[in-house]
């Protein structure tokens, strides 16, 4: 009998083929010391003091073993109550390790081999990778740059096929800062009605708005799966408290099964501290953060115009503006030039072809740091 020949070299599983670190991460890893970070996708404001004090108290005074896979009952009650229009029960909420896990679990729960998923172009690149990990096929609907990256219902509708299983909306948007209007979400609901298509609504920036509180897609379409968390609104990125919630109970059950095997449960200390995320103190902290980021965004957009002669979009939410660098050349080349001058920006092409020619610029910096960053940009561009 001939011995079985084995290939001992590592072979990447099919589900991981084509999945690679994002361009955003590649840029960050090459940043020079003392760079000014305009690429930051997390708040620079500190976690509110009352949250930190509660986490410290819990760590010292309480036993912090596992919670149930789904998360603390009291926390799930608060999350469920955040969506009164859905009348959710606690079994329709799963607390996850940040919204990234919620997003991944939602795709793995919903998408099968060969299913198509509609994703905004531009959008956060993790979405495309999550679809591929799930065995699905990403299909992109344009948020046209020439319309200020606003939603276009005809473009969205044109991408739907019999293979479409899921569609994604991100509001406020990463990277554009645009908010889907009530009209947009109503139109999406009408188009998806009776199709059986699920809608994943990324609402992680929903508490960071400057023009009016965003609507949840779940207000208009019942097959919506909400992905959200406290990372952005309360500067808790490293605390890893997110959630997936939906009136579609079977979807949440599937997410919970995945969550249990992947992580067991979200940090118990973080969950207990997160219970304060719905207090009056927390609402005050969120309102203060909104005012700070609104002021910073206006300041930075003004600097681009007056100092560099460049147009930057007026953000409606989140903490990003899209800067049109097409008059200067290729966005990758401009970002590289800035990187060599100790300025971190993210080329728009990292988020999709529709954002090519733009830079995503974050205003998670003080006005002093932003002014210094613009000065370095002028120097790099020899203006």
Protein backbone atom coordinates (compact mmCIF):
# COMPACT_ATOMS: atom_id res chain seq x y z
CA UNK A 1 0.00 0.00 0.00
CA UNK A 2 1.43 3.35 -1.04
CA UNK A 3 1.78 5.88 1.79
CA UNK A 4 -0.57 8.85 1.63
CA UNK A 5 1.22 11.92 0.37
CA UNK A 6 0.43 15.00 2.43
CA UNK A 7 1.05 18.61 1.57
CA UNK A 8 2.53 20.00 4.76
CA UNK A 9 2.59 23.62 3.59
CA UNK A 10 -0.08 25.92 5.00
CA UNK A 11 -3.02 26.47 2.69
CA UNK A 12 -5.31 29.44 3.34
CA UNK A 13 -8.90 28.17 3.60
CA UNK A 14 -11.14 29.23 0.74
CA UNK A 15 -13.21 31.48 3.02
CA UNK A 16 -10.06 33.53 3.82
CA UNK A 17 -8.82 33.87 0.28
CA UNK A 18 -9.11 37.46 -0.87
CA UNK A 19 -9.43 38.70 2.72
CA UNK A 20 -6.46 40.87 3.69
CA UNK A 21 -5.58 43.73 6.06
CA UNK A 22 -7.23 46.93 4.89
CA UNK A 23 -5.37 49.78 3.23
CA UNK A 24 -6.22 51.81 6.34
CA UNK A 25 -4.25 49.40 8.52
CA UNK A 26 -1.35 49.30 6.07
CA UNK A 27 -1.06 53.09 6.20
CA UNK A 28 -1.17 53.19 9.99
CA UNK A 29 1.59 50.61 10.28
CA UNK A 30 3.88 52.76 8.13
CA UNK A 31 3.25 56.03 9.97
CA UNK A 32 6.33 57.91 11.19
CA UNK A 33 6.82 58.83 14.86
CA UNK A 34 5.03 62.00 16.00
CA UNK A 35 2.68 61.95 13.04
CA UNK A 36 -0.55 63.92 13.30
CA UNK A 37 -3.33 61.40 12.97
CA UNK A 38 -6.17 62.49 10.68
CA UNK A 39 -6.96 58.86 9.93
CA UNK A 40 -8.19 58.04 13.41
CA UNK A 41 -11.45 56.10 13.52
CA UNK A 42 -11.98 56.46 17.23
CA UNK A 43 -12.76 59.35 19.59
CA UNK A 44 -9.82 61.14 21.16
CA UNK A 45 -12.01 62.35 24.04
CA UNK A 46 -11.55 60.38 27.27
CA UNK A 47 -14.10 57.87 28.47
CA UNK A 48 -16.37 59.79 30.90
CA UNK A 49 -15.03 59.76 34.44
CA UNK A 50 -18.17 58.21 35.95
CA UNK A 51 -17.83 55.23 33.60
CA UNK A 52 -14.19 54.71 34.54
CA UNK A 53 -14.95 54.97 38.24
CA UNK A 54 -17.72 52.41 37.93
CA UNK A 55 -15.46 49.98 36.06
CA UNK A 56 -12.79 50.37 38.75
CA UNK A 57 -15.35 49.80 41.51
CA UNK A 58 -16.73 46.71 39.80
CA UNK A 59 -13.24 45.29 39.30
CA UNK A 60 -12.34 45.73 42.97
CA UNK A 61 -15.62 45.02 44.75
CA UNK A 62 -17.48 42.45 42.67
CA UNK A 63 -17.06 38.91 41.41
CA UNK A 64 -16.70 39.07 37.62
CA UNK A 65 -17.07 35.63 36.17
CA UNK A 66 -18.85 34.79 32.94
CA UNK A 67 -22.20 36.32 32.16
CA UNK A 68 -24.67 34.43 30.00
CA UNK A 69 -23.58 34.23 26.37
CA UNK A 70 -26.17 36.86 25.44
CA UNK A 71 -24.95 39.31 28.08
CA UNK A 72 -26.21 40.75 31.35
CA UNK A 73 -29.98 40.70 31.55
CA UNK A 74 -30.08 44.30 32.81
CA UNK A 75 -27.93 45.49 29.92
CA UNK A 76 -30.03 43.69 27.32
CA UNK A 77 -33.12 45.30 28.84
CA UNK A 78 -31.59 48.76 28.38
CA UNK A 79 -30.55 48.01 24.79
CA UNK A 80 -33.99 46.63 23.93
CA UNK A 81 -35.63 49.75 25.37
CA UNK A 82 -33.48 51.89 23.06
CA UNK A 83 -35.70 50.78 20.17
CA UNK A 84 -39.23 51.32 21.56
CA UNK A 85 -40.79 51.08 18.10
CA UNK A 86 -39.74 47.41 17.96
CA UNK A 87 -40.99 46.37 21.40
CA UNK A 88 -38.02 44.00 21.70
CA UNK A 89 -37.62 41.41 24.43
CA UNK A 90 -34.24 40.49 25.92
CA UNK A 91 -33.97 37.40 23.71
CA UNK A 92 -33.85 39.69 20.67
CA UNK A 93 -30.59 41.30 21.84
CA UNK A 94 -27.08 39.83 22.01
CA UNK A 95 -24.26 41.82 23.63
CA UNK A 96 -21.10 41.41 21.55
CA UNK A 97 -17.40 42.24 21.73
CA UNK A 98 -17.85 45.59 20.02
CA UNK A 99 -19.93 46.30 16.93
CA UNK A 100 -17.31 44.59 14.75
CA UNK A 101 -18.23 41.21 16.22
CA UNK A 102 -21.92 42.08 15.91
CA UNK A 103 -21.38 42.86 12.22
CA UNK A 104 -19.45 39.67 11.55
CA UNK A 105 -21.94 37.52 13.43
CA UNK A 106 -24.84 39.07 11.52
CA UNK A 107 -23.26 38.21 8.16
CA UNK A 108 -22.33 34.69 9.21
CA UNK A 109 -25.88 34.16 10.48
CA UNK A 110 -27.58 35.45 7.34
CA UNK A 111 -25.33 34.83 4.34
CA UNK A 112 -24.79 31.51 2.61
CA UNK A 113 -22.50 30.46 -0.24
CA UNK A 114 -23.36 32.42 -3.37
CA UNK A 115 -25.70 34.94 -1.73
CA UNK A 116 -25.31 38.55 -2.84
CA UNK A 117 -25.01 41.40 -0.34
CA UNK A 118 -25.56 45.04 -1.28
CA UNK A 119 -22.92 47.32 0.26
CA UNK A 120 -22.58 51.10 -0.07
CA UNK A 121 -19.73 52.44 -2.19
CA UNK A 122 -17.96 54.05 -0.35
CA UNK A 123 -18.17 52.23 2.97
CA UNK A 124 -16.05 50.82 5.79
CA UNK A 125 -13.94 48.05 4.14
CA UNK A 126 -14.71 45.48 6.84
CA UNK A 127 -18.08 44.96 5.19
CA UNK A 128 -16.67 43.53 1.99
CA UNK A 129 -14.38 41.22 3.95
CA UNK A 130 -17.21 40.03 6.22
CA UNK A 131 -19.30 39.15 3.18
CA UNK A 132 -16.42 37.16 1.69
CA UNK A 133 -15.81 35.37 5.00
CA UNK A 134 -19.47 34.36 4.92
CA UNK A 135 -19.13 32.90 1.43
CA UNK A 136 -21.25 35.65 -0.09
CA UNK A 137 -20.65 37.98 -3.00
CA UNK A 138 -20.41 41.72 -2.33
CA UNK A 139 -22.36 43.92 -4.76
CA UNK A 140 -21.82 47.66 -4.46
CA UNK A 141 -24.39 50.41 -4.82
CA UNK A 142 -22.96 53.87 -5.40
CA UNK A 143 -23.38 56.83 -3.10
CA UNK A 144 -22.43 59.22 -5.92
CA UNK A 145 -19.53 61.57 -5.19
CA UNK A 146 -21.00 64.09 -7.62
CA UNK A 147 -24.10 64.25 -5.41
CA UNK A 148 -22.14 64.71 -2.20
CA UNK A 149 -22.26 60.96 -1.44
CA UNK A 150 -26.03 61.12 -0.93
CA UNK A 151 -28.19 58.00 -1.23
CA UNK A 152 -29.67 57.24 -4.67
CA UNK A 153 -32.69 54.92 -4.55
CA UNK A 154 -32.57 54.14 -8.28
CA UNK A 155 -28.93 53.06 -7.99
CA UNK A 156 -29.81 50.90 -4.97
CA UNK A 157 -32.78 49.30 -6.72
CA UNK A 158 -30.76 48.53 -9.85
CA UNK A 159 -28.39 46.26 -7.89
CA UNK A 160 -31.07 43.92 -6.53
CA UNK A 161 -31.18 40.48 -8.14
CA UNK A 162 -32.83 37.15 -7.25
CA UNK A 163 -29.58 36.28 -5.44
CA UNK A 164 -29.71 39.30 -3.11
CA UNK A 165 -29.97 38.09 0.50
CA UNK A 166 -28.87 41.14 2.51
CA UNK A 167 -28.46 44.88 2.04
CA UNK A 168 -26.40 47.20 4.24
CA UNK A 169 -26.97 50.79 5.31
CA UNK A 170 -24.54 52.77 7.45
CA UNK A 171 -25.95 55.93 9.01
CA UNK A 172 -24.18 58.15 9.91
CA UNK A 173 -21.74 56.88 7.34
CA UNK A 174 -18.15 55.85 7.71
CA UNK A 175 -16.41 57.34 5.72
CA UNK A 176 -18.63 60.19 4.46
CA UNK A 177 -20.44 61.39 7.59
CA UNK A 178 -23.72 61.42 5.62
CA UNK A 179 -27.02 60.47 7.27
CA UNK A 180 -29.73 58.45 5.53
CA UNK A 181 -32.88 60.58 5.65
CA UNK A 182 -36.36 59.42 6.56
CA UNK A 183 -37.18 59.65 2.83
CA UNK A 184 -34.18 57.44 1.99
CA UNK A 185 -35.10 54.77 4.53
CA UNK A 186 -38.77 54.80 3.54
CA UNK A 187 -37.77 54.31 -0.09
CA UNK A 188 -35.49 51.39 0.85
CA UNK A 189 -38.31 49.79 2.84
CA UNK A 190 -40.66 50.10 -0.13
CA UNK A 191 -38.14 48.54 -2.50
CA UNK A 192 -37.38 45.64 -0.13
CA UNK A 193 -41.00 44.97 0.84
CA UNK A 194 -41.98 41.32 0.28
CA UNK A 195 -38.54 40.44 -1.15
CA UNK A 196 -37.35 38.49 1.90
CA UNK A 197 -34.12 40.51 1.85
CA UNK A 198 -32.65 41.37 5.24
CA UNK A 199 -31.28 44.83 6.01
CA UNK A 200 -28.22 45.24 8.26
CA UNK A 201 -28.25 48.73 9.74
CA UNK A 202 -24.92 49.91 11.13
CA UNK A 203 -25.84 52.50 13.77
CA UNK A 204 -22.56 52.72 15.69
CA UNK A 205 -22.39 56.49 15.05
CA UNK A 206 -26.08 57.14 15.73
CA UNK A 207 -25.39 59.29 18.81
CA UNK A 208 -22.86 61.46 16.95
CA UNK A 209 -25.00 63.71 14.78
CA UNK A 210 -24.91 67.42 13.95
CA UNK A 211 -28.00 68.06 11.82
CA UNK A 212 -30.70 66.01 13.55
CA UNK A 213 -30.92 62.64 15.27
CA UNK A 214 -30.72 59.86 12.66
CA UNK A 215 -33.61 57.47 12.15
CA UNK A 216 -33.04 53.76 12.58
CA UNK A 217 -33.78 51.73 9.47
CA UNK A 218 -35.72 49.40 11.77
CA UNK A 219 -38.43 52.08 12.07
CA UNK A 220 -39.37 51.44 8.45
CA UNK A 221 -38.45 47.84 7.64
CA UNK A 222 -39.18 44.87 9.90
CA UNK A 223 -36.44 42.58 8.56
CA UNK A 224 -33.75 44.92 9.89
CA UNK A 225 -30.83 43.71 11.99
CA UNK A 226 -29.26 46.53 14.04
CA UNK A 227 -25.51 46.63 14.71
CA UNK A 228 -24.41 49.19 17.29
CA UNK A 229 -22.55 49.82 20.56
CA UNK A 230 -21.08 52.40 22.92
CA UNK A 231 -17.60 52.68 21.37
CA UNK A 232 -18.06 55.96 19.53
CA UNK A 233 -20.71 57.77 21.57
CA UNK A 234 -18.97 57.38 24.94
CA UNK A 235 -15.33 56.95 23.83
CA UNK A 236 -15.33 53.29 24.84
CA UNK A 237 -13.62 51.68 21.85
CA UNK A 238 -11.29 49.52 23.92
CA UNK A 239 -14.06 48.44 26.29
CA UNK A 240 -15.60 46.34 23.49
CA UNK A 241 -19.32 46.69 24.20
CA UNK A 242 -21.50 46.28 21.15
CA UNK A 243 -24.73 44.55 20.27
CA UNK A 244 -26.85 43.02 17.58
CA UNK A 245 -30.62 43.51 17.96
CA UNK A 246 -33.63 42.67 15.83
CA UNK A 247 -37.29 41.71 15.87
CA UNK A 248 -36.11 38.74 13.79
CA UNK A 249 -35.65 36.38 16.74
CA UNK A 250 -34.22 33.48 14.75
CA UNK A 251 -31.45 35.71 13.37
CA UNK A 252 -30.46 36.75 16.89
CA UNK A 253 -30.46 33.11 17.98
CA UNK A 254 -28.04 32.29 15.18
CA UNK A 255 -25.83 35.26 16.13
CA UNK A 256 -25.89 34.11 19.75
CA UNK A 257 -24.71 30.62 18.79
CA UNK A 258 -21.75 32.11 16.90
CA UNK A 259 -21.01 34.56 19.71
CA UNK A 260 -20.95 31.80 22.31
CA UNK A 261 -18.35 29.78 20.43
CA UNK A 262 -16.24 32.78 19.39
CA UNK A 263 -16.04 34.74 22.64
CA UNK A 264 -18.24 33.10 25.35
CA UNK A 265 -19.28 36.57 26.53
CA UNK A 266 -18.33 40.23 26.45
CA UNK A 267 -16.11 41.44 29.33
CA UNK A 268 -18.21 41.33 32.48
CA UNK A 269 -16.56 44.46 33.89
CA UNK A 270 -17.25 46.36 30.68
CA UNK A 271 -20.87 45.18 30.64
CA UNK A 272 -21.48 46.27 34.23
CA UNK A 273 -19.96 49.69 33.63
CA UNK A 274 -21.97 49.99 30.40
CA UNK A 275 -25.18 49.92 32.44
CA UNK A 276 -24.48 53.61 33.10
CA UNK A 277 -24.60 54.32 29.37
CA UNK A 278 -28.30 55.17 29.59
CA UNK A 279 -28.14 57.54 32.58
CA UNK A 280 -28.62 61.31 32.57
CA UNK A 281 -24.85 61.64 33.03
CA UNK A 282 -24.27 59.59 29.89
CA UNK A 283 -26.75 61.63 27.85
CA UNK A 284 -24.98 64.80 28.98
CA UNK A 285 -21.59 63.34 27.97
CA UNK A 286 -22.95 62.37 24.54
CA UNK A 287 -24.37 65.86 24.01
CA UNK A 288 -21.07 67.47 24.99
CA UNK A 289 -19.19 65.19 22.58
CA UNK A 290 -21.57 66.14 19.77
CA UNK A 291 -20.91 69.83 20.35
CA UNK A 292 -17.14 69.33 20.45
CA UNK A 293 -17.04 67.30 17.23
CA UNK A 294 -19.46 69.63 15.45
CA UNK A 295 -17.24 72.62 16.25
CA UNK A 296 -14.09 70.74 15.23
CA UNK A 297 -15.62 69.57 11.97
CA UNK A 298 -16.63 73.10 10.99
CA UNK A 299 -13.19 74.38 11.93
CA UNK A 300 -11.38 71.75 9.87
CA UNK A 301 -13.61 72.13 6.80
CA UNK A 302 -12.91 75.87 6.98
CA UNK A 303 -9.16 75.31 7.20
CA UNK A 304 -9.13 73.15 4.10
CA UNK A 305 -10.89 75.89 2.17
CA UNK A 306 -8.95 78.91 3.42
CA UNK A 307 -5.47 77.37 3.74
CA UNK A 308 -5.40 74.76 0.97
CA UNK A 309 -8.20 75.84 -1.36
CA UNK A 310 -9.77 72.39 -1.13
CA UNK A 311 -13.43 71.46 -0.81
CA UNK A 312 -14.33 69.22 2.13
CA UNK A 313 -17.81 67.84 2.74
CA UNK A 314 -19.86 69.19 5.64
CA UNK A 315 -20.34 66.20 7.95
CA UNK A 316 -23.84 65.43 9.20
CA UNK A 317 -22.63 62.88 11.75
CA UNK A 318 -19.70 60.69 12.87
CA UNK A 319 -16.34 62.54 12.85
CA UNK A 320 -15.12 62.46 9.26
CA UNK A 321 -15.00 64.76 6.27
CA UNK A 322 -14.20 63.78 2.70
CA UNK A 323 -11.63 66.12 1.15
CA UNK A 324 -11.59 66.44 -2.62
CA UNK A 325 -7.92 66.24 -3.67
CA UNK A 326 -8.57 65.63 -7.37
CA UNK A 327 -7.18 69.10 -8.21
CA UNK A 328 -3.87 67.93 -6.68
CA UNK A 329 -3.62 64.47 -8.20
CA UNK A 330 -4.17 60.85 -7.18
CA UNK A 331 -5.50 60.27 -3.67
CA UNK A 332 -3.04 57.43 -2.97
CA UNK A 333 -0.11 59.61 -4.03
CA UNK A 334 -1.33 62.56 -1.96
CA UNK A 335 -1.82 60.34 1.10
CA UNK A 336 1.69 58.93 0.60
CA UNK A 337 3.16 62.42 0.34
CA UNK A 338 1.40 63.42 3.53
CA UNK A 339 2.55 60.23 5.28
CA UNK A 340 6.18 61.09 4.55
CA UNK A 341 5.55 64.49 6.14
CA UNK A 342 4.17 62.97 9.34
CA UNK A 343 0.48 63.37 8.52
CA UNK A 344 -1.84 60.34 8.51
CA UNK A 345 -4.81 60.48 6.15
CA UNK A 346 -6.73 57.69 4.43
CA UNK A 347 -7.09 57.67 0.63
CA UNK A 348 -10.71 57.47 -0.43
CA UNK A 349 -10.07 54.44 -2.61
CA UNK A 350 -9.66 52.43 0.62
CA UNK A 351 -13.44 52.75 0.99
CA UNK A 352 -14.42 52.07 -2.60
CA UNK A 353 -14.06 53.34 -6.14
CA UNK A 354 -16.65 56.10 -5.67
CA UNK A 355 -14.37 57.86 -3.16
CA UNK A 356 -11.28 57.76 -5.38
CA UNK A 357 -9.83 61.26 -5.55
CA UNK A 358 -10.82 62.05 -1.96
CA UNK A 359 -9.16 61.66 1.43
CA UNK A 360 -11.09 60.62 4.50
CA UNK A 361 -9.99 62.98 7.24
CA UNK A 362 -10.98 62.58 10.87
CA UNK A 363 -11.43 65.51 13.22
CA UNK A 364 -10.63 63.53 16.38
CA UNK A 365 -7.95 66.09 17.21
CA UNK A 366 -7.74 69.38 19.04
CA UNK A 367 -7.98 72.53 16.96
CA UNK A 368 -4.28 73.17 17.67
CA UNK A 369 -3.28 69.75 16.32
CA UNK A 370 -5.52 70.15 13.28
CA UNK A 371 -4.02 73.56 12.50
CA UNK A 372 -0.52 72.06 12.75
CA UNK A 373 -1.61 69.23 10.48
CA UNK A 374 -2.86 71.67 7.84
CA UNK A 375 0.44 73.56 8.12
CA UNK A 376 2.34 70.33 7.43
CA UNK A 377 0.04 69.62 4.47
CA UNK A 378 0.83 73.03 3.00
CA UNK A 379 4.48 72.30 3.44
CA UNK A 380 4.17 68.89 1.80
CA UNK A 381 2.26 70.36 -1.14
CA UNK A 382 4.61 73.36 -1.31
CA UNK A 383 1.66 75.77 -1.33
